[in-house]
């Protein structure tokens, strides 16, 4: 599973069901299973074996 995930240690926000990080200003679509409480401190982005 080498290279299928990376961690963003700062500058993470959620806007309109998208994860906004410095590398992807347009945002990455995400499926929130529950509401966030407070501001996220970091995020881990991973890719499944099916490409999702």
PDB file of N, CA and C in Angstrom:
ATOM      1  N   UNK A   1       0.818  -1.194   0.000  1.00  0.00           N
ATOM      2  CA  UNK A   1       0.000   0.000   0.000  1.00  0.00           C
ATOM      3  C   UNK A   1       0.857   1.251   0.000  1.00  0.00           C
ATOM      4  N   UNK A   2       2.075   1.139  -0.420  1.00  0.00           N
ATOM      5  CA  UNK A   2       2.961   2.291  -0.442  1.00  0.00           C
ATOM      6  C   UNK A   2       2.438   3.363  -1.382  1.00  0.00           C
ATOM      7  N   UNK A   3       2.403   4.599  -0.917  1.00  0.00           N
ATOM      8  CA  UNK A   3       2.023   5.716  -1.760  1.00  0.00           C
ATOM      9  C   UNK A   3       0.528   5.918  -1.940  1.00  0.00           C
ATOM     10  N   UNK A   4      -0.300   5.251  -1.158  1.00  0.00           N
ATOM     11  CA  UNK A   4      -1.745   5.389  -1.314  1.00  0.00           C
ATOM     12  C   UNK A   4      -2.360   6.380  -0.334  1.00  0.00           C
ATOM     13  N   UNK A   5      -1.564   6.975   0.543  1.00  0.00           N
ATOM     14  CA  UNK A   5      -2.113   7.939   1.484  1.00  0.00           C
ATOM     15  C   UNK A   5      -1.057   8.977   1.841  1.00  0.00           C
ATOM     16  N   UNK A   6      -1.552  10.128   2.311  1.00  0.00           N
ATOM     17  CA  UNK A   6      -0.654  11.149   2.815  1.00  0.00           C
ATOM     18  C   UNK A   6      -1.370  11.937   3.897  1.00  0.00           C
ATOM     19  N   UNK A   7      -0.596  12.513   4.794  1.00  0.00           N
ATOM     20  CA  UNK A   7      -1.131  13.244   5.928  1.00  0.00           C
ATOM     21  C   UNK A   7      -0.860  14.733   5.750  1.00  0.00           C
ATOM     22  N   UNK A   8      -1.874  15.559   6.009  1.00  0.00           N
ATOM     23  CA  UNK A   8      -1.745  17.009   5.943  1.00  0.00           C
ATOM     24  C   UNK A   8      -1.736  17.507   7.383  1.00  0.00           C
ATOM     25  N   UNK A   9      -0.614  18.061   7.849  1.00  0.00           N
ATOM     26  CA  UNK A   9      -0.500  18.417   9.266  1.00  0.00           C
ATOM     27  C   UNK A   9      -1.131  19.751   9.654  1.00  0.00           C
ATOM     28  N   UNK A  10      -1.502  20.593   8.692  1.00  0.00           N
ATOM     29  CA  UNK A  10      -2.049  21.904   9.048  1.00  0.00           C
ATOM     30  C   UNK A  10      -2.812  22.488   7.861  1.00  0.00           C
ATOM     31  N   UNK A  11      -3.484  23.622   8.079  1.00  0.00           N
ATOM     32  CA  UNK A  11      -4.243  24.331   7.038  1.00  0.00           C
ATOM     33  C   UNK A  11      -5.311  23.458   6.397  1.00  0.00           C
ATOM     34  N   UNK A  12      -6.103  22.786   7.218  1.00  0.00           N
ATOM     35  CA  UNK A  12      -7.162  21.901   6.758  1.00  0.00           C
ATOM     36  C   UNK A  12      -8.506  22.539   7.111  1.00  0.00           C
ATOM     37  N   UNK A  13      -9.448  22.527   6.152  1.00  0.00           N
ATOM     38  CA  UNK A  13     -10.793  23.013   6.448  1.00  0.00           C
ATOM     39  C   UNK A  13     -11.806  22.218   5.643  1.00  0.00           C
ATOM     40  N   UNK A  14     -13.063  22.247   6.101  1.00  0.00           N
ATOM     41  CA  UNK A  14     -14.155  21.580   5.408  1.00  0.00           C
ATOM     42  C   UNK A  14     -15.158  22.647   5.009  1.00  0.00           C
ATOM     43  N   UNK A  15     -15.452  22.730   3.703  1.00  0.00           N
ATOM     44  CA  UNK A  15     -16.386  23.722   3.169  1.00  0.00           C
ATOM     45  C   UNK A  15     -17.267  23.047   2.132  1.00  0.00           C
ATOM     46  N   UNK A  16     -18.570  23.136   2.301  1.00  0.00           N
ATOM     47  CA  UNK A  16     -19.529  22.583   1.324  1.00  0.00           C
ATOM     48  C   UNK A  16     -19.249  21.123   0.983  1.00  0.00           C
ATOM     49  N   UNK A  17     -19.079  20.287   1.997  1.00  0.00           N
ATOM     50  CA  UNK A  17     -18.809  18.849   1.826  1.00  0.00           C
ATOM     51  C   UNK A  17     -17.548  18.573   1.027  1.00  0.00           C
ATOM     52  N   UNK A  18     -16.568  19.469   1.129  1.00  0.00           N
ATOM     53  CA  UNK A  18     -15.271  19.265   0.490  1.00  0.00           C
ATOM     54  C   UNK A  18     -14.162  19.540   1.490  1.00  0.00           C
ATOM     55  N   UNK A  19     -13.119  18.744   1.397  1.00  0.00           N
ATOM     56  CA  UNK A  19     -11.920  18.948   2.203  1.00  0.00           C
ATOM     57  C   UNK A  19     -11.005  19.886   1.437  1.00  0.00           C
ATOM     58  N   UNK A  20     -10.696  21.035   2.028  1.00  0.00           N
ATOM     59  CA  UNK A  20      -9.858  22.034   1.367  1.00  0.00           C
ATOM     60  C   UNK A  20      -8.485  22.025   2.049  1.00  0.00           C
ATOM     61  N   UNK A  21      -7.461  21.757   1.237  1.00  0.00           N
ATOM     62  CA  UNK A  21      -6.082  21.734   1.726  1.00  0.00           C
ATOM     63  C   UNK A  21      -5.231  22.552   0.752  1.00  0.00           C
ATOM     64  N   UNK A  22      -4.050  22.980   1.167  1.00  0.00           N
ATOM     65  CA  UNK A  22      -3.231  23.830   0.300  1.00  0.00           C
ATOM     66  C   UNK A  22      -2.932  23.240  -1.083  1.00  0.00           C
ATOM     67  N   UNK A  23      -2.748  21.930  -1.179  1.00  0.00           N
ATOM     68  CA  UNK A  23      -2.392  21.313  -2.457  1.00  0.00           C
ATOM     69  C   UNK A  23      -3.589  21.224  -3.423  1.00  0.00           C
ATOM     70  N   UNK A  24      -4.802  21.159  -2.879  1.00  0.00           N
ATOM     71  CA  UNK A  24      -6.018  21.036  -3.680  1.00  0.00           C
ATOM     72  C   UNK A  24      -6.983  22.148  -3.284  1.00  0.00           C
ATOM     73  N   UNK A  25      -6.772  23.338  -3.821  1.00  0.00           N
ATOM     74  CA  UNK A  25      -7.575  24.509  -3.457  1.00  0.00           C
ATOM     75  C   UNK A  25      -9.051  24.344  -3.830  1.00  0.00           C
ATOM     76  N   UNK A  26      -9.349  23.589  -4.907  1.00  0.00           N
ATOM     77  CA  UNK A  26     -10.738  23.402  -5.322  1.00  0.00           C
ATOM     78  C   UNK A  26     -11.481  22.458  -4.388  1.00  0.00           C
ATOM     79  N   UNK A  27     -10.761  21.728  -3.561  1.00  0.00           N
ATOM     80  CA  UNK A  27     -11.364  20.837  -2.577  1.00  0.00           C
ATOM     81  C   UNK A  27     -11.488  19.411  -3.066  1.00  0.00           C
ATOM     82  N   UNK A  28     -11.518  18.490  -2.137  1.00  0.00           N
ATOM     83  CA  UNK A  28     -11.682  17.073  -2.415  1.00  0.00           C
ATOM     84  C   UNK A  28     -13.034  16.664  -1.849  1.00  0.00           C
ATOM     85  N   UNK A  29     -13.885  16.101  -2.693  1.00  0.00           N
ATOM     86  CA  UNK A  29     -15.221  15.681  -2.255  1.00  0.00           C
ATOM     87  C   UNK A  29     -15.088  14.651  -1.139  1.00  0.00           C
ATOM     88  N   UNK A  30     -15.903  14.795  -0.111  1.00  0.00           N
ATOM     89  CA  UNK A  30     -15.854  13.823   0.971  1.00  0.00           C
ATOM     90  C   UNK A  30     -17.248  13.500   1.443  1.00  0.00           C
ATOM     91  N   UNK A  31     -17.372  12.375   2.091  1.00  0.00           N
ATOM     92  CA  UNK A  31     -18.636  11.897   2.613  1.00  0.00           C
ATOM     93  C   UNK A  31     -18.536  11.921   4.134  1.00  0.00           C
ATOM     94  N   UNK A  32     -19.134  12.936   4.744  1.00  0.00           N
ATOM     95  CA  UNK A  32     -19.104  13.049   6.199  1.00  0.00           C
ATOM     96  C   UNK A  32     -20.154  12.120   6.801  1.00  0.00           C
ATOM     97  N   UNK A  33     -19.730  11.251   7.704  1.00  0.00           N
ATOM     98  CA  UNK A  33     -20.647  10.328   8.354  1.00  0.00           C
ATOM     99  C   UNK A  33     -21.260  10.937   9.605  1.00  0.00           C
ATOM    100  N   UNK A  34     -20.614  11.991  10.118  1.00  0.00           N
ATOM    101  CA  UNK A  34     -21.138  12.717  11.280  1.00  0.00           C
ATOM    102  C   UNK A  34     -20.591  14.135  11.239  1.00  0.00           C
ATOM    103  N   UNK A  35     -21.265  15.013  11.930  1.00  0.00           N
ATOM    104  CA  UNK A  35     -20.864  16.421  11.931  1.00  0.00           C
ATOM    105  C   UNK A  35     -19.539  16.604  12.671  1.00  0.00           C
ATOM    106  N   UNK A  36     -18.738  17.535  12.188  1.00  0.00           N
ATOM    107  CA  UNK A  36     -17.474  17.843  12.851  1.00  0.00           C
ATOM    108  C   UNK A  36     -17.722  18.777  14.023  1.00  0.00           C
ATOM    109  N   UNK A  37     -16.984  18.574  15.082  1.00  0.00           N
ATOM    110  CA  UNK A  37     -17.044  19.463  16.232  1.00  0.00           C
ATOM    111  C   UNK A  37     -15.726  20.210  16.294  1.00  0.00           C
ATOM    112  N   UNK A  38     -15.746  21.530  16.165  1.00  0.00           N
ATOM    113  CA  UNK A  38     -14.524  22.313  16.183  1.00  0.00           C
ATOM    114  C   UNK A  38     -13.835  22.304  14.838  1.00  0.00           C
ATOM    115  N   UNK A  39     -12.582  22.748  14.847  1.00  0.00           N
ATOM    116  CA  UNK A  39     -11.782  22.811  13.618  1.00  0.00           C
ATOM    117  C   UNK A  39     -10.855  21.603  13.540  1.00  0.00           C
ATOM    118  N   UNK A  40     -10.722  20.988  12.346  1.00  0.00           N
ATOM    119  CA  UNK A  40      -9.788  19.865  12.205  1.00  0.00           C
ATOM    120  C   UNK A  40      -8.345  20.353  12.305  1.00  0.00           C
ATOM    121  N   UNK A  41      -7.503  19.582  12.967  1.00  0.00           N
ATOM    122  CA  UNK A  41      -6.095  19.929  13.127  1.00  0.00           C
ATOM    123  C   UNK A  41      -5.232  19.322  12.026  1.00  0.00           C
ATOM    124  N   UNK A  42      -5.623  18.157  11.522  1.00  0.00           N
ATOM    125  CA  UNK A  42      -4.887  17.491  10.450  1.00  0.00           C
ATOM    126  C   UNK A  42      -5.853  16.587   9.700  1.00  0.00           C
ATOM    127  N   UNK A  43      -5.420  16.071   8.574  1.00  0.00           N
ATOM    128  CA  UNK A  43      -6.231  15.135   7.796  1.00  0.00           C
ATOM    129  C   UNK A  43      -5.325  14.104   7.153  1.00  0.00           C
ATOM    130  N   UNK A  44      -5.856  12.909   6.973  1.00  0.00           N
ATOM    131  CA  UNK A  44      -5.171  11.865   6.229  1.00  0.00           C
ATOM    132  C   UNK A  44      -6.020  11.537   5.015  1.00  0.00           C
ATOM    133  N   UNK A  45      -5.431  11.632   3.834  1.00  0.00           N
ATOM    134  CA  UNK A  45      -6.123  11.361   2.582  1.00  0.00           C
ATOM    135  C   UNK A  45      -5.587  10.028   2.082  1.00  0.00           C
ATOM    136  N   UNK A  46      -6.503   9.106   1.770  1.00  0.00           N
ATOM    137  CA  UNK A  46      -6.064   7.799   1.286  1.00  0.00           C
ATOM    138  C   UNK A  46      -6.889   7.390   0.067  1.00  0.00           C
ATOM    139  N   UNK A  47      -6.316   6.510  -0.723  1.00  0.00           N
ATOM    140  CA  UNK A  47      -6.956   6.009  -1.933  1.00  0.00           C
ATOM    141  C   UNK A  47      -7.118   4.506  -1.786  1.00  0.00           C
ATOM    142  N   UNK A  48      -8.336   4.017  -2.043  1.00  0.00           N
ATOM    143  CA  UNK A  48      -8.587   2.584  -1.920  1.00  0.00           C
ATOM    144  C   UNK A  48      -8.030   1.856  -3.145  1.00  0.00           C
ATOM    145  N   UNK A  49      -8.051   0.547  -3.080  1.00  0.00           N
ATOM    146  CA  UNK A  49      -7.546  -0.245  -4.206  1.00  0.00           C
ATOM    147  C   UNK A  49      -8.466  -0.130  -5.412  1.00  0.00           C
ATOM    148  N   UNK A  50      -9.710   0.302  -5.214  1.00  0.00           N
ATOM    149  CA  UNK A  50     -10.634   0.489  -6.332  1.00  0.00           C
ATOM    150  C   UNK A  50     -10.577   1.889  -6.904  1.00  0.00           C
ATOM    151  N   UNK A  51      -9.689   2.730  -6.380  1.00  0.00           N
ATOM    152  CA  UNK A  51      -9.494   4.064  -6.922  1.00  0.00           C
ATOM    153  C   UNK A  51     -10.345   5.143  -6.288  1.00  0.00           C
ATOM    154  N   UNK A  52     -11.056   4.817  -5.240  1.00  0.00           N
ATOM    155  CA  UNK A  52     -11.898   5.808  -4.572  1.00  0.00           C
ATOM    156  C   UNK A  52     -11.111   6.554  -3.525  1.00  0.00           C
TER     157      UNK A  52
END
